[in-house]
Amino acid sequence: MFNAFKYFEEFRETFGEEAALKLIWLASEIYESLSQNVTKTEFNELKKRPLQNYLIQNISHDIAREKL
């Protein structure tokens, strides 16, 4: 988890409030982007099962459509 307030306090002492806010905004954007990425191991595991993943995706979409 990204503790923005902790880092803001540290940045503010060194860079001032305005720069600290910009740094925290940038850091939180980077953190959010990275947290949504898959790891290389996860990606390789997904590549091993393309047919299984395809079927699971399509079946779940079909079930969702039936419930609507």
PDB file of N, CA and C in Angstrom:
ATOM      1  N   MET A   1       0.843  -1.181   0.000  1.00  0.00           N
ATOM      2  CA  MET A   1       0.000   0.000   0.000  1.00  0.00           C
ATOM      3  C   MET A   1       0.889   1.245   0.000  1.00  0.00           C
ATOM      4  N   PHE A   2       0.455   2.247  -0.686  1.00  0.00           N
ATOM      5  CA  PHE A   2       1.190   3.496  -0.820  1.00  0.00           C
ATOM      6  C   PHE A   2       0.728   4.466   0.272  1.00  0.00           C
ATOM      7  N   ASN A   3       1.616   4.808   1.195  1.00  0.00           N
ATOM      8  CA  ASN A   3       1.290   5.712   2.293  1.00  0.00           C
ATOM      9  C   ASN A   3       1.624   7.143   1.860  1.00  0.00           C
ATOM     10  N   ALA A   4       0.688   7.776   1.168  1.00  0.00           N
ATOM     11  CA  ALA A   4       0.923   9.092   0.586  1.00  0.00           C
ATOM     12  C   ALA A   4       1.223  10.151   1.641  1.00  0.00           C
ATOM     13  N   PHE A   5       0.521  10.103   2.752  1.00  0.00           N
ATOM     14  CA  PHE A   5       0.721  11.137   3.768  1.00  0.00           C
ATOM     15  C   PHE A   5       2.138  11.083   4.333  1.00  0.00           C
ATOM     16  N   LYS A   6       2.619   9.875   4.596  1.00  0.00           N
ATOM     17  CA  LYS A   6       3.979   9.717   5.119  1.00  0.00           C
ATOM     18  C   LYS A   6       4.997  10.332   4.166  1.00  0.00           C
ATOM     19  N   TYR A   7       4.873  10.002   2.894  1.00  0.00           N
ATOM     20  CA  TYR A   7       5.826  10.523   1.913  1.00  0.00           C
ATOM     21  C   TYR A   7       5.645  12.020   1.686  1.00  0.00           C
ATOM     22  N   PHE A   8       4.408  12.484   1.752  1.00  0.00           N
ATOM     23  CA  PHE A   8       4.156  13.913   1.618  1.00  0.00           C
ATOM     24  C   PHE A   8       4.893  14.687   2.706  1.00  0.00           C
ATOM     25  N   GLU A   9       4.794  14.207   3.929  1.00  0.00           N
ATOM     26  CA  GLU A   9       5.470  14.875   5.043  1.00  0.00           C
ATOM     27  C   GLU A   9       6.985  14.931   4.808  1.00  0.00           C
ATOM     28  N   GLU A  10       7.548  13.830   4.341  1.00  0.00           N
ATOM     29  CA  GLU A  10       8.994  13.797   4.086  1.00  0.00           C
ATOM     30  C   GLU A  10       9.377  14.733   2.933  1.00  0.00           C
ATOM     31  N   PHE A  11       8.605  14.700   1.868  1.00  0.00           N
ATOM     32  CA  PHE A  11       8.895  15.569   0.717  1.00  0.00           C
ATOM     33  C   PHE A  11       8.706  17.045   1.070  1.00  0.00           C
ATOM     34  N   ARG A  12       7.682  17.333   1.859  1.00  0.00           N
ATOM     35  CA  ARG A  12       7.392  18.723   2.208  1.00  0.00           C
ATOM     36  C   ARG A  12       8.556  19.346   2.963  1.00  0.00           C
ATOM     37  N   GLU A  13       9.185  18.591   3.849  1.00  0.00           N
ATOM     38  CA  GLU A  13      10.327  19.113   4.607  1.00  0.00           C
ATOM     39  C   GLU A  13      11.491  19.478   3.683  1.00  0.00           C
ATOM     40  N   THR A  14      11.659  18.700   2.635  1.00  0.00           N
ATOM     41  CA  THR A  14      12.798  18.907   1.730  1.00  0.00           C
ATOM     42  C   THR A  14      12.478  19.865   0.589  1.00  0.00           C
ATOM     43  N   PHE A  15      11.302  19.698  -0.034  1.00  0.00           N
ATOM     44  CA  PHE A  15      10.989  20.421  -1.268  1.00  0.00           C
ATOM     45  C   PHE A  15       9.945  21.524  -1.129  1.00  0.00           C
ATOM     46  N   GLY A  16       9.249  21.582  -0.016  1.00  0.00           N
ATOM     47  CA  GLY A  16       8.158  22.536   0.141  1.00  0.00           C
ATOM     48  C   GLY A  16       6.832  21.883  -0.227  1.00  0.00           C
ATOM     49  N   GLU A  17       5.737  22.538   0.172  1.00  0.00           N
ATOM     50  CA  GLU A  17       4.412  21.937   0.025  1.00  0.00           C
ATOM     51  C   GLU A  17       3.987  21.733  -1.431  1.00  0.00           C
ATOM     52  N   GLU A  18       4.173  22.728  -2.270  1.00  0.00           N
ATOM     53  CA  GLU A  18       3.727  22.620  -3.670  1.00  0.00           C
ATOM     54  C   GLU A  18       4.448  21.493  -4.408  1.00  0.00           C
ATOM     55  N   ALA A  19       5.759  21.443  -4.276  1.00  0.00           N
ATOM     56  CA  ALA A  19       6.530  20.394  -4.944  1.00  0.00           C
ATOM     57  C   ALA A  19       6.194  19.024  -4.350  1.00  0.00           C
ATOM     58  N   ALA A  20       5.983  18.975  -3.040  1.00  0.00           N
ATOM     59  CA  ALA A  20       5.637  17.708  -2.389  1.00  0.00           C
ATOM     60  C   ALA A  20       4.317  17.167  -2.923  1.00  0.00           C
ATOM     61  N   LEU A  21       3.338  18.048  -3.098  1.00  0.00           N
ATOM     62  CA  LEU A  21       2.046  17.620  -3.646  1.00  0.00           C
ATOM     63  C   LEU A  21       2.205  17.060  -5.058  1.00  0.00           C
ATOM     64  N   LYS A  22       3.003  17.711  -5.874  1.00  0.00           N
ATOM     65  CA  LYS A  22       3.230  17.225  -7.240  1.00  0.00           C
ATOM     66  C   LYS A  22       3.941  15.877  -7.237  1.00  0.00           C
ATOM     67  N   LEU A  23       4.929  15.733  -6.356  1.00  0.00           N
ATOM     68  CA  LEU A  23       5.649  14.468  -6.267  1.00  0.00           C
ATOM     69  C   LEU A  23       4.735  13.335  -5.805  1.00  0.00           C
ATOM     70  N   ILE A  24       3.894  13.607  -4.827  1.00  0.00           N
ATOM     71  CA  ILE A  24       2.963  12.588  -4.340  1.00  0.00           C
ATOM     72  C   ILE A  24       1.966  12.217  -5.422  1.00  0.00           C
ATOM     73  N   TRP A  25       1.467  13.192  -6.155  1.00  0.00           N
ATOM     74  CA  TRP A  25       0.536  12.888  -7.244  1.00  0.00           C
ATOM     75  C   TRP A  25       1.210  11.973  -8.270  1.00  0.00           C
ATOM     76  N   LEU A  26       2.425  12.318  -8.670  1.00  0.00           N
ATOM     77  CA  LEU A  26       3.155  11.514  -9.643  1.00  0.00           C
ATOM     78  C   LEU A  26       3.432  10.114  -9.104  1.00  0.00           C
ATOM     79  N   ALA A  27       3.886  10.017  -7.878  1.00  0.00           N
ATOM     80  CA  ALA A  27       4.179   8.716  -7.278  1.00  0.00           C
ATOM     81  C   ALA A  27       2.924   7.849  -7.180  1.00  0.00           C
ATOM     82  N   SER A  28       1.798   8.451  -6.838  1.00  0.00           N
ATOM     83  CA  SER A  28       0.562   7.679  -6.730  1.00  0.00           C
ATOM     84  C   SER A  28       0.088   7.199  -8.104  1.00  0.00           C
ATOM     85  N   GLU A  29       0.287   8.005  -9.144  1.00  0.00           N
ATOM     86  CA  GLU A  29      -0.048   7.577 -10.504  1.00  0.00           C
ATOM     87  C   GLU A  29       0.812   6.380 -10.927  1.00  0.00           C
ATOM     88  N   ILE A  30       2.092   6.450 -10.632  1.00  0.00           N
ATOM     89  CA  ILE A  30       3.008   5.354 -10.967  1.00  0.00           C
ATOM     90  C   ILE A  30       2.622   4.101 -10.184  1.00  0.00           C
ATOM     91  N   TYR A  31       2.364   4.255  -8.907  1.00  0.00           N
ATOM     92  CA  TYR A  31       1.984   3.127  -8.067  1.00  0.00           C
ATOM     93  C   TYR A  31       0.719   2.465  -8.594  1.00  0.00           C
ATOM     94  N   GLU A  32      -0.278   3.254  -8.928  1.00  0.00           N
ATOM     95  CA  GLU A  32      -1.543   2.726  -9.448  1.00  0.00           C
ATOM     96  C   GLU A  32      -1.326   1.959 -10.745  1.00  0.00           C
ATOM     97  N   SER A  33      -0.522   2.522 -11.629  1.00  0.00           N
ATOM     98  CA  SER A  33      -0.232   1.860 -12.898  1.00  0.00           C
ATOM     99  C   SER A  33       0.483   0.533 -12.691  1.00  0.00           C
ATOM    100  N   LEU A  34       1.475   0.524 -11.831  1.00  0.00           N
ATOM    101  CA  LEU A  34       2.233  -0.698 -11.575  1.00  0.00           C
ATOM    102  C   LEU A  34       1.397  -1.755 -10.865  1.00  0.00           C
ATOM    103  N   SER A  35       0.496  -1.322 -10.009  1.00  0.00           N
ATOM    104  CA  SER A  35      -0.315  -2.287  -9.260  1.00  0.00           C
ATOM    105  C   SER A  35      -1.313  -3.008 -10.155  1.00  0.00           C
ATOM    106  N   GLN A  36      -1.582  -2.467 -11.333  1.00  0.00           N
ATOM    107  CA  GLN A  36      -2.516  -3.101 -12.248  1.00  0.00           C
ATOM    108  C   GLN A  36      -1.827  -3.984 -13.287  1.00  0.00           C
ATOM    109  N   ASN A  37      -0.513  -4.059 -13.250  1.00  0.00           N
ATOM    110  CA  ASN A  37       0.241  -4.897 -14.171  1.00  0.00           C
ATOM    111  C   ASN A  37       0.352  -6.315 -13.633  1.00  0.00           C
ATOM    112  N   VAL A  38       0.476  -7.262 -14.543  1.00  0.00           N
ATOM    113  CA  VAL A  38       0.732  -8.634 -14.118  1.00  0.00           C
ATOM    114  C   VAL A  38       2.236  -8.869 -14.084  1.00  0.00           C
ATOM    115  N   THR A  39       2.658  -9.800 -13.249  1.00  0.00           N
ATOM    116  CA  THR A  39       4.076 -10.130 -13.189  1.00  0.00           C
ATOM    117  C   THR A  39       4.442 -11.014 -14.383  1.00  0.00           C
ATOM    118  N   LYS A  40       5.704 -11.125 -14.639  1.00  0.00           N
ATOM    119  CA  LYS A  40       6.173 -11.970 -15.735  1.00  0.00           C
ATOM    120  C   LYS A  40       5.734 -13.422 -15.505  1.00  0.00           C
ATOM    121  N   THR A  41       5.806 -13.875 -14.278  1.00  0.00           N
ATOM    122  CA  THR A  41       5.390 -15.241 -13.944  1.00  0.00           C
ATOM    123  C   THR A  41       3.905 -15.437 -14.228  1.00  0.00           C
ATOM    124  N   GLU A  42       3.080 -14.472 -13.808  1.00  0.00           N
ATOM    125  CA  GLU A  42       1.643 -14.562 -14.069  1.00  0.00           C
ATOM    126  C   GLU A  42       1.355 -14.571 -15.561  1.00  0.00           C
ATOM    127  N   PHE A  43       2.040 -13.728 -16.310  1.00  0.00           N
ATOM    128  CA  PHE A  43       1.837 -13.647 -17.748  1.00  0.00           C
ATOM    129  C   PHE A  43       2.211 -14.962 -18.423  1.00  0.00           C
ATOM    130  N   ASN A  44       3.339 -15.536 -18.032  1.00  0.00           N
ATOM    131  CA  ASN A  44       3.764 -16.808 -18.615  1.00  0.00           C
ATOM    132  C   ASN A  44       2.776 -17.919 -18.287  1.00  0.00           C
ATOM    133  N   GLU A  45       2.217 -17.902 -17.088  1.00  0.00           N
ATOM    134  CA  GLU A  45       1.219 -18.897 -16.712  1.00  0.00           C
ATOM    135  C   GLU A  45      -0.037 -18.742 -17.568  1.00  0.00           C
ATOM    136  N   LEU A  46      -0.436 -17.520 -17.823  1.00  0.00           N
ATOM    137  CA  LEU A  46      -1.610 -17.283 -18.666  1.00  0.00           C
ATOM    138  C   LEU A  46      -1.376 -17.745 -20.107  1.00  0.00           C
ATOM    139  N   LYS A  47      -0.168 -17.543 -20.596  1.00  0.00           N
ATOM    140  CA  LYS A  47       0.153 -17.966 -21.968  1.00  0.00           C
ATOM    141  C   LYS A  47       0.093 -19.484 -22.116  1.00  0.00           C
ATOM    142  N   LYS A  48       0.329 -20.207 -21.058  1.00  0.00           N
ATOM    143  CA  LYS A  48       0.329 -21.669 -21.117  1.00  0.00           C
ATOM    144  C   LYS A  48      -1.074 -22.238 -21.320  1.00  0.00           C
ATOM    145  N   ARG A  49      -2.088 -21.457 -20.958  1.00  0.00           N
ATOM    146  CA  ARG A  49      -3.452 -21.963 -21.000  1.00  0.00           C
ATOM    147  C   ARG A  49      -4.372 -21.081 -21.845  1.00  0.00           C
ATOM    148  N   PRO A  50      -4.018 -20.784 -23.091  1.00  0.00           N
ATOM    149  CA  PRO A  50      -4.863 -19.866 -23.862  1.00  0.00           C
ATOM    150  C   PRO A  50      -6.258 -20.419 -24.139  1.00  0.00           C
ATOM    151  N   LEU A  51      -6.382 -21.703 -24.459  1.00  0.00           N
ATOM    152  CA  LEU A  51      -7.696 -22.264 -24.751  1.00  0.00           C
ATOM    153  C   LEU A  51      -8.569 -22.272 -23.504  1.00  0.00           C
ATOM    154  N   GLN A  52      -7.994 -22.689 -22.390  1.00  0.00           N
ATOM    155  CA  GLN A  52      -8.740 -22.720 -21.134  1.00  0.00           C
ATOM    156  C   GLN A  52      -9.224 -21.318 -20.765  1.00  0.00           C
ATOM    157  N   ASN A  53      -8.356 -20.334 -20.891  1.00  0.00           N
ATOM    158  CA  ASN A  53      -8.734 -18.951 -20.572  1.00  0.00           C
ATOM    159  C   ASN A  53      -9.807 -18.437 -21.521  1.00  0.00           C
ATOM    160  N   TYR A  54      -9.686 -18.788 -22.789  1.00  0.00           N
ATOM    161  CA  TYR A  54     -10.675 -18.365 -23.773  1.00  0.00           C
ATOM    162  C   TYR A  54     -12.048 -18.932 -23.424  1.00  0.00           C
ATOM    163  N   LEU A  55     -12.073 -20.221 -23.098  1.00  0.00           N
ATOM    164  CA  LEU A  55     -13.343 -20.861 -22.760  1.00  0.00           C
ATOM    165  C   LEU A  55     -13.938 -20.268 -21.487  1.00  0.00           C
ATOM    166  N   ILE A  56     -13.123 -20.056 -20.480  1.00  0.00           N
ATOM    167  CA  ILE A  56     -13.610 -19.481 -19.224  1.00  0.00           C
ATOM    168  C   ILE A  56     -14.192 -18.098 -19.469  1.00  0.00           C
ATOM    169  N   GLN A  57     -13.501 -17.286 -20.257  1.00  0.00           N
ATOM    170  CA  GLN A  57     -13.995 -15.936 -20.541  1.00  0.00           C
ATOM    171  C   GLN A  57     -15.331 -15.986 -21.272  1.00  0.00           C
ATOM    172  N   ASN A  58     -15.407 -16.808 -22.294  1.00  0.00           N
ATOM    173  CA  ASN A  58     -16.632 -16.858 -23.083  1.00  0.00           C
ATOM    174  C   ASN A  58     -17.790 -17.464 -22.320  1.00  0.00           C
ATOM    175  N   ILE A  59     -17.545 -18.479 -21.519  1.00  0.00           N
ATOM    176  CA  ILE A  59     -18.615 -19.075 -20.730  1.00  0.00           C
ATOM    177  C   ILE A  59     -19.123 -18.076 -19.700  1.00  0.00           C
ATOM    178  N   SER A  60     -18.210 -17.357 -19.048  1.00  0.00           N
ATOM    179  CA  SER A  60     -18.652 -16.385 -18.051  1.00  0.00           C
ATOM    180  C   SER A  60     -19.450 -15.261 -18.704  1.00  0.00           C
ATOM    181  N   HIS A  61     -19.072 -14.847 -19.914  1.00  0.00           N
ATOM    182  CA  HIS A  61     -19.844 -13.821 -20.627  1.00  0.00           C
ATOM    183  C   HIS A  61     -21.225 -14.351 -21.002  1.00  0.00           C
ATOM    184  N   ASP A  62     -21.299 -15.605 -21.437  1.00  0.00           N
ATOM    185  CA  ASP A  62     -22.588 -16.193 -21.799  1.00  0.00           C
ATOM    186  C   ASP A  62     -23.497 -16.302 -20.587  1.00  0.00           C
ATOM    187  N   ILE A  63     -22.950 -16.720 -19.436  1.00  0.00           N
ATOM    188  CA  ILE A  63     -23.743 -16.838 -18.213  1.00  0.00           C
ATOM    189  C   ILE A  63     -24.234 -15.455 -17.790  1.00  0.00           C
ATOM    190  N   ALA A  64     -23.383 -14.464 -17.888  1.00  0.00           N
ATOM    191  CA  ALA A  64     -23.784 -13.098 -17.513  1.00  0.00           C
ATOM    192  C   ALA A  64     -24.910 -12.598 -18.415  1.00  0.00           C
ATOM    193  N   ARG A  65     -24.832 -12.889 -19.714  1.00  0.00           N
ATOM    194  CA  ARG A  65     -25.880 -12.471 -20.639  1.00  0.00           C
ATOM    195  C   ARG A  65     -27.198 -13.167 -20.328  1.00  0.00           C
ATOM    196  N   GLU A  66     -27.135 -14.455 -19.966  1.00  0.00           N
ATOM    197  CA  GLU A  66     -28.355 -15.191 -19.643  1.00  0.00           C
ATOM    198  C   GLU A  66     -29.050 -14.630 -18.424  1.00  0.00           C
ATOM    199  N   LYS A  67     -28.261 -14.113 -17.459  1.00  0.00           N
ATOM    200  CA  LYS A  67     -28.848 -13.570 -16.228  1.00  0.00           C
ATOM    201  C   LYS A  67     -29.500 -12.217 -16.464  1.00  0.00           C
ATOM    202  N   LEU A  68     -29.101 -11.533 -17.543  1.00  0.00           N
ATOM    203  CA  LEU A  68     -29.712 -10.235 -17.830  1.00  0.00           C
ATOM    204  C   LEU A  68     -31.033 -10.463 -18.464  1.00  0.00           C
TER     205      LEU A  68
END
